[in-house]
């Protein structure tokens, strides 16, 4: 996600009346933390799941 891609998110979540740069930065931080968490969970599952989930 690029910085410019966040501007519509800022407006959508009603941050438009405040400093856009600060809110875009907060959204980017949240996005980074979320994707990092998902990556760690994915890595953990791939290391600890022995059998595929085919049913």
N, C-alpha and C. Protein backbone atom coordinates (compact mmCIF):
# COMPACT_ATOMS: atom_id res chain seq x y z
N UNK A 1 0.85 -1.17 0.00
CA UNK A 1 0.00 0.00 0.00
C UNK A 1 0.89 1.23 0.00
N UNK A 2 0.63 2.11 -0.93
CA UNK A 2 1.41 3.34 -1.02
C UNK A 2 0.74 4.45 -0.22
N UNK A 3 1.52 5.47 0.09
CA UNK A 3 1.03 6.61 0.85
C UNK A 3 -0.18 7.24 0.15
N UNK A 4 -0.12 7.39 -1.16
CA UNK A 4 -1.23 8.00 -1.91
C UNK A 4 -2.49 7.15 -1.86
N UNK A 5 -2.34 5.86 -1.72
CA UNK A 5 -3.51 4.97 -1.65
C UNK A 5 -4.28 5.15 -0.36
N UNK A 6 -3.66 5.72 0.64
CA UNK A 6 -4.30 5.86 1.95
C UNK A 6 -5.22 7.06 2.03
N UNK A 7 -5.04 8.04 1.18
CA UNK A 7 -5.86 9.25 1.27
C UNK A 7 -7.36 8.95 1.20
N UNK A 8 -7.82 8.10 0.27
CA UNK A 8 -9.25 7.78 0.28
C UNK A 8 -9.71 7.09 1.57
N UNK A 9 -8.84 6.28 2.16
CA UNK A 9 -9.18 5.64 3.44
C UNK A 9 -9.34 6.68 4.54
N UNK A 10 -8.46 7.65 4.54
CA UNK A 10 -8.54 8.71 5.55
C UNK A 10 -9.87 9.43 5.43
N UNK A 11 -10.27 9.75 4.21
CA UNK A 11 -11.54 10.44 4.00
C UNK A 11 -12.71 9.54 4.36
N UNK A 12 -12.61 8.28 4.03
CA UNK A 12 -13.70 7.35 4.30
C UNK A 12 -13.93 7.16 5.80
N UNK A 13 -12.87 7.19 6.58
CA UNK A 13 -12.99 7.03 8.02
C UNK A 13 -13.11 8.36 8.75
N UNK A 14 -13.52 9.39 8.01
CA UNK A 14 -13.87 10.70 8.58
C UNK A 14 -12.72 11.42 9.26
N UNK A 15 -11.52 11.25 8.75
CA UNK A 15 -10.38 11.99 9.27
C UNK A 15 -10.09 13.22 8.43
N UNK A 16 -10.94 13.53 7.47
CA UNK A 16 -10.65 14.58 6.50
C UNK A 16 -10.52 15.96 7.14
N UNK A 17 -11.21 16.19 8.25
CA UNK A 17 -11.17 17.53 8.84
C UNK A 17 -9.88 17.78 9.62
N UNK A 18 -9.14 16.76 9.95
CA UNK A 18 -7.89 16.93 10.70
C UNK A 18 -6.70 16.82 9.76
N UNK A 19 -5.54 16.81 10.31
CA UNK A 19 -4.31 16.72 9.53
C UNK A 19 -4.27 15.38 8.79
N UNK A 20 -4.33 15.43 7.48
CA UNK A 20 -4.35 14.20 6.69
C UNK A 20 -3.06 13.41 6.81
N UNK A 21 -1.94 14.10 6.84
CA UNK A 21 -0.67 13.38 6.91
C UNK A 21 -0.57 12.52 8.16
N UNK A 22 -0.99 13.07 9.28
CA UNK A 22 -0.92 12.31 10.53
C UNK A 22 -1.83 11.09 10.47
N UNK A 23 -3.03 11.27 9.96
CA UNK A 23 -3.97 10.15 9.91
C UNK A 23 -3.54 9.10 8.88
N UNK A 24 -2.98 9.54 7.77
CA UNK A 24 -2.47 8.58 6.79
C UNK A 24 -1.34 7.77 7.42
N UNK A 25 -0.50 8.44 8.18
CA UNK A 25 0.59 7.73 8.85
C UNK A 25 0.05 6.70 9.84
N UNK A 26 -0.98 7.06 10.58
CA UNK A 26 -1.58 6.12 11.54
C UNK A 26 -2.19 4.92 10.83
N UNK A 27 -2.85 5.17 9.69
CA UNK A 27 -3.42 4.06 8.93
C UNK A 27 -2.31 3.15 8.41
N UNK A 28 -1.22 3.73 7.93
CA UNK A 28 -0.10 2.93 7.44
C UNK A 28 0.52 2.11 8.57
N UNK A 29 0.64 2.69 9.75
CA UNK A 29 1.18 1.94 10.89
C UNK A 29 0.28 0.77 11.25
N UNK A 30 -1.02 1.02 11.26
CA UNK A 30 -1.98 -0.04 11.57
C UNK A 30 -1.92 -1.14 10.51
N UNK A 31 -1.85 -0.74 9.25
CA UNK A 31 -1.74 -1.70 8.15
C UNK A 31 -0.48 -2.54 8.30
N UNK A 32 0.64 -1.89 8.61
CA UNK A 32 1.91 -2.61 8.77
C UNK A 32 1.83 -3.60 9.93
N UNK A 33 1.29 -3.15 11.07
CA UNK A 33 1.17 -4.05 12.22
C UNK A 33 0.27 -5.24 11.91
N UNK A 34 -0.82 -4.98 11.22
CA UNK A 34 -1.76 -6.06 10.89
C UNK A 34 -1.13 -7.07 9.94
N UNK A 35 -0.45 -6.59 8.91
CA UNK A 35 0.17 -7.51 7.96
C UNK A 35 1.34 -8.26 8.61
N UNK A 36 2.05 -7.62 9.51
CA UNK A 36 3.14 -8.30 10.23
C UNK A 36 2.59 -9.41 11.11
N UNK A 37 1.49 -9.13 11.79
CA UNK A 37 0.86 -10.14 12.64
C UNK A 37 0.37 -11.31 11.81
N UNK A 38 -0.28 -11.03 10.70
CA UNK A 38 -0.75 -12.10 9.82
C UNK A 38 0.40 -12.93 9.27
N UNK A 39 1.49 -12.28 8.97
CA UNK A 39 2.67 -13.00 8.48
C UNK A 39 3.23 -13.94 9.54
N UNK A 40 3.31 -13.46 10.78
CA UNK A 40 3.81 -14.31 11.86
C UNK A 40 2.88 -15.49 12.12
N UNK A 41 1.57 -15.24 12.09
CA UNK A 41 0.60 -16.33 12.28
C UNK A 41 0.73 -17.35 11.16
N UNK A 42 0.83 -16.87 9.95
CA UNK A 42 0.98 -17.76 8.80
C UNK A 42 2.25 -18.60 8.92
N UNK A 43 3.36 -17.98 9.26
CA UNK A 43 4.61 -18.71 9.44
C UNK A 43 4.48 -19.78 10.53
N UNK A 44 3.86 -19.41 11.64
CA UNK A 44 3.67 -20.35 12.74
C UNK A 44 2.84 -21.55 12.28
N UNK A 45 1.73 -21.27 11.61
CA UNK A 45 0.86 -22.35 11.16
C UNK A 45 1.57 -23.26 10.16
N UNK A 46 2.32 -22.67 9.26
CA UNK A 46 3.04 -23.48 8.28
C UNK A 46 4.09 -24.38 8.93
N UNK A 47 4.67 -23.93 10.02
CA UNK A 47 5.69 -24.71 10.72
C UNK A 47 5.09 -25.80 11.60
N UNK A 48 3.85 -25.58 12.09
CA UNK A 48 3.30 -26.49 13.09
C UNK A 48 2.15 -27.36 12.59
N UNK A 49 1.72 -27.17 11.40
CA UNK A 49 0.65 -28.01 10.86
C UNK A 49 1.30 -29.11 10.04
N UNK A 50 1.04 -30.35 10.45
CA UNK A 50 1.70 -31.49 9.80
C UNK A 50 0.97 -31.96 8.55
N UNK A 51 -0.35 -32.06 8.62
CA UNK A 51 -1.11 -32.63 7.52
C UNK A 51 -1.93 -31.55 6.82
N UNK A 52 -2.15 -31.72 5.52
CA UNK A 52 -3.01 -30.77 4.81
C UNK A 52 -4.46 -30.92 5.27
N UNK A 53 -5.25 -29.94 5.01
CA UNK A 53 -6.64 -29.92 5.47
C UNK A 53 -7.61 -30.43 4.41
N UNK A 54 -7.19 -31.35 3.58
CA UNK A 54 -8.07 -31.90 2.55
C UNK A 54 -9.07 -32.84 3.20
N UNK A 55 -10.34 -32.59 2.92
CA UNK A 55 -11.38 -33.45 3.49
C UNK A 55 -12.26 -33.96 2.39
